[in-house]
Amino acid sequence: MCLLDDSFQSSLRKLYAEGIINNYKISDEEISIHVTKLGNRLVERFNDKYQQQFENDISRIKFYKVEFPI
Protein backbone atom coordinates (compact mmCIF):
# COMPACT_ATOMS: atom_id res chain seq x y z
CA MET A 1 0.00 0.00 0.00
CA CYS A 2 1.36 3.42 -0.94
CA LEU A 3 0.82 6.25 1.52
CA LEU A 4 -0.39 9.53 0.10
CA ASP A 5 1.50 12.76 0.58
CA ASP A 6 0.95 14.70 3.80
CA SER A 7 -1.12 17.40 2.13
CA PHE A 8 -3.65 14.91 0.73
CA GLN A 9 -3.71 12.97 4.02
CA SER A 10 -4.46 16.24 5.83
CA SER A 11 -7.30 16.99 3.41
CA LEU A 12 -8.81 13.54 3.98
CA ARG A 13 -8.58 14.01 7.75
CA LYS A 14 -10.41 17.34 7.53
CA LEU A 15 -13.16 15.88 5.33
CA TYR A 16 -13.53 12.96 7.75
CA ALA A 17 -13.62 15.25 10.81
CA GLU A 18 -16.31 17.45 9.24
CA GLY A 19 -18.49 14.46 8.35
CA ILE A 20 -18.12 14.90 4.58
CA ILE A 21 -16.57 11.47 4.07
CA ASN A 22 -16.75 8.31 6.15
CA ASN A 23 -15.46 4.77 6.01
CA TYR A 24 -16.28 1.21 6.95
CA LYS A 25 -14.06 -1.82 7.27
CA ILE A 26 -14.59 -4.51 4.64
CA SER A 27 -11.81 -6.79 5.83
CA ASP A 28 -8.54 -6.57 7.75
CA GLU A 29 -6.85 -5.25 4.61
CA GLU A 30 -9.61 -3.22 3.01
CA ILE A 31 -11.55 -0.10 3.99
CA SER A 32 -14.29 1.48 1.88
CA ILE A 33 -14.47 5.27 1.80
CA HIS A 34 -17.71 6.98 0.85
CA VAL A 35 -19.17 10.47 0.66
CA THR A 36 -21.80 11.10 3.33
CA LYS A 37 -25.22 12.69 2.78
CA LEU A 38 -23.75 16.00 3.90
CA GLY A 39 -20.89 15.58 1.43
CA ASN A 40 -23.34 14.81 -1.37
CA ARG A 41 -25.37 17.92 -0.56
CA LEU A 42 -22.22 20.03 -0.73
CA VAL A 43 -21.23 18.46 -4.05
CA GLU A 44 -24.68 19.22 -5.47
CA ARG A 45 -24.65 22.78 -4.13
CA PHE A 46 -21.22 23.70 -5.49
CA ASN A 47 -21.09 21.39 -8.53
CA ASP A 48 -20.91 24.17 -11.13
CA LYS A 49 -18.08 25.90 -9.29
CA TYR A 50 -15.81 22.86 -8.85
CA GLN A 51 -16.71 20.43 -11.66
CA GLN A 52 -13.66 21.20 -13.82
CA GLN A 53 -11.26 20.93 -10.88
CA PHE A 54 -12.84 17.61 -9.89
CA GLU A 55 -12.37 16.25 -13.41
CA ASN A 56 -8.72 17.28 -13.34
CA ASP A 57 -8.12 15.77 -9.90
CA ILE A 58 -10.02 12.49 -10.40
CA SER A 59 -7.88 11.51 -13.36
CA ARG A 60 -4.70 11.72 -11.26
CA ILE A 61 -5.80 9.83 -8.13
CA LYS A 62 -4.85 6.16 -7.91
CA PHE A 63 -7.71 5.08 -5.66
CA TYR A 64 -6.35 1.57 -5.27
CA LYS A 65 -3.37 3.09 -3.43
CA VAL A 66 -5.34 5.26 -1.00
CA GLU A 67 -4.81 4.50 2.66
CA PHE A 68 -7.50 6.10 4.80
CA PRO A 69 -6.03 8.29 7.55
CA ILE A 70 -7.49 6.96 10.78
C-alpha atoms as a PDB file:
ATOM      1  CA  MET A   1       0.000   0.000   0.000  1.00  0.00           C
ATOM      2  CA  CYS A   2       1.356   3.418  -0.940  1.00  0.00           C
ATOM      3  CA  LEU A   3       0.818   6.250   1.516  1.00  0.00           C
ATOM      4  CA  LEU A   4      -0.388   9.531   0.097  1.00  0.00           C
ATOM      5  CA  ASP A   5       1.497  12.764   0.583  1.00  0.00           C
ATOM      6  CA  ASP A   6       0.955  14.698   3.800  1.00  0.00           C
ATOM      7  CA  SER A   7      -1.123  17.396   2.131  1.00  0.00           C
ATOM      8  CA  PHE A   8      -3.651  14.909   0.735  1.00  0.00           C
ATOM      9  CA  GLN A   9      -3.714  12.969   4.023  1.00  0.00           C
ATOM     10  CA  SER A  10      -4.456  16.240   5.829  1.00  0.00           C
ATOM     11  CA  SER A  11      -7.299  16.989   3.410  1.00  0.00           C
ATOM     12  CA  LEU A  12      -8.814  13.542   3.982  1.00  0.00           C
ATOM     13  CA  ARG A  13      -8.578  14.006   7.748  1.00  0.00           C
ATOM     14  CA  LYS A  14     -10.413  17.341   7.527  1.00  0.00           C
ATOM     15  CA  LEU A  15     -13.161  15.875   5.335  1.00  0.00           C
ATOM     16  CA  TYR A  16     -13.529  12.965   7.752  1.00  0.00           C
ATOM     17  CA  ALA A  17     -13.620  15.252  10.813  1.00  0.00           C
ATOM     18  CA  GLU A  18     -16.307  17.446   9.243  1.00  0.00           C
ATOM     19  CA  GLY A  19     -18.488  14.458   8.345  1.00  0.00           C
ATOM     20  CA  ILE A  20     -18.124  14.903   4.584  1.00  0.00           C
ATOM     21  CA  ILE A  21     -16.566  11.468   4.072  1.00  0.00           C
ATOM     22  CA  ASN A  22     -16.751   8.314   6.147  1.00  0.00           C
ATOM     23  CA  ASN A  23     -15.463   4.765   6.010  1.00  0.00           C
ATOM     24  CA  TYR A  24     -16.278   1.215   6.951  1.00  0.00           C
ATOM     25  CA  LYS A  25     -14.064  -1.818   7.272  1.00  0.00           C
ATOM     26  CA  ILE A  26     -14.592  -4.506   4.636  1.00  0.00           C
ATOM     27  CA  SER A  27     -11.811  -6.793   5.833  1.00  0.00           C
ATOM     28  CA  ASP A  28      -8.535  -6.574   7.749  1.00  0.00           C
ATOM     29  CA  GLU A  29      -6.847  -5.251   4.613  1.00  0.00           C
ATOM     30  CA  GLU A  30      -9.614  -3.219   3.008  1.00  0.00           C
ATOM     31  CA  ILE A  31     -11.553  -0.098   3.991  1.00  0.00           C
ATOM     32  CA  SER A  32     -14.287   1.478   1.879  1.00  0.00           C
ATOM     33  CA  ILE A  33     -14.466   5.266   1.799  1.00  0.00           C
ATOM     34  CA  HIS A  34     -17.708   6.982   0.850  1.00  0.00           C
ATOM     35  CA  VAL A  35     -19.166  10.467   0.656  1.00  0.00           C
ATOM     36  CA  THR A  36     -21.801  11.096   3.334  1.00  0.00           C
ATOM     37  CA  LYS A  37     -25.225  12.685   2.781  1.00  0.00           C
ATOM     38  CA  LEU A  38     -23.748  16.005   3.905  1.00  0.00           C
ATOM     39  CA  GLY A  39     -20.895  15.576   1.428  1.00  0.00           C
ATOM     40  CA  ASN A  40     -23.338  14.809  -1.372  1.00  0.00           C
ATOM     41  CA  ARG A  41     -25.371  17.922  -0.563  1.00  0.00           C
ATOM     42  CA  LEU A  42     -22.216  20.033  -0.731  1.00  0.00           C
ATOM     43  CA  VAL A  43     -21.231  18.461  -4.050  1.00  0.00           C
ATOM     44  CA  GLU A  44     -24.683  19.219  -5.469  1.00  0.00           C
ATOM     45  CA  ARG A  45     -24.654  22.785  -4.128  1.00  0.00           C
ATOM     46  CA  PHE A  46     -21.221  23.696  -5.488  1.00  0.00           C
ATOM     47  CA  ASN A  47     -21.094  21.395  -8.529  1.00  0.00           C
ATOM     48  CA  ASP A  48     -20.913  24.166 -11.129  1.00  0.00           C
ATOM     49  CA  LYS A  49     -18.077  25.905  -9.295  1.00  0.00           C
ATOM     50  CA  TYR A  50     -15.815  22.857  -8.853  1.00  0.00           C
ATOM     51  CA  GLN A  51     -16.710  20.429 -11.658  1.00  0.00           C
ATOM     52  CA  GLN A  52     -13.663  21.198 -13.818  1.00  0.00           C
ATOM     53  CA  GLN A  53     -11.259  20.933 -10.877  1.00  0.00           C
ATOM     54  CA  PHE A  54     -12.842  17.615  -9.889  1.00  0.00           C
ATOM     55  CA  GLU A  55     -12.375  16.251 -13.405  1.00  0.00           C
ATOM     56  CA  ASN A  56      -8.717  17.284 -13.338  1.00  0.00           C
ATOM     57  CA  ASP A  57      -8.124  15.766  -9.900  1.00  0.00           C
ATOM     58  CA  ILE A  58     -10.021  12.493 -10.397  1.00  0.00           C
ATOM     59  CA  SER A  59      -7.883  11.509 -13.362  1.00  0.00           C
ATOM     60  CA  ARG A  60      -4.699  11.721 -11.261  1.00  0.00           C
ATOM     61  CA  ILE A  61      -5.799   9.829  -8.134  1.00  0.00           C
ATOM     62  CA  LYS A  62      -4.848   6.163  -7.912  1.00  0.00           C
ATOM     63  CA  PHE A  63      -7.715   5.082  -5.664  1.00  0.00           C
ATOM     64  CA  TYR A  64      -6.354   1.565  -5.266  1.00  0.00           C
ATOM     65  CA  LYS A  65      -3.374   3.094  -3.432  1.00  0.00           C
ATOM     66  CA  VAL A  66      -5.337   5.262  -0.998  1.00  0.00           C
ATOM     67  CA  GLU A  67      -4.809   4.499   2.662  1.00  0.00           C
ATOM     68  CA  PHE A  68      -7.500   6.098   4.799  1.00  0.00           C
ATOM     69  CA  PRO A  69      -6.025   8.291   7.549  1.00  0.00           C
ATOM     70  CA  ILE A  70      -7.494   6.964  10.780  1.00  0.00           C
END
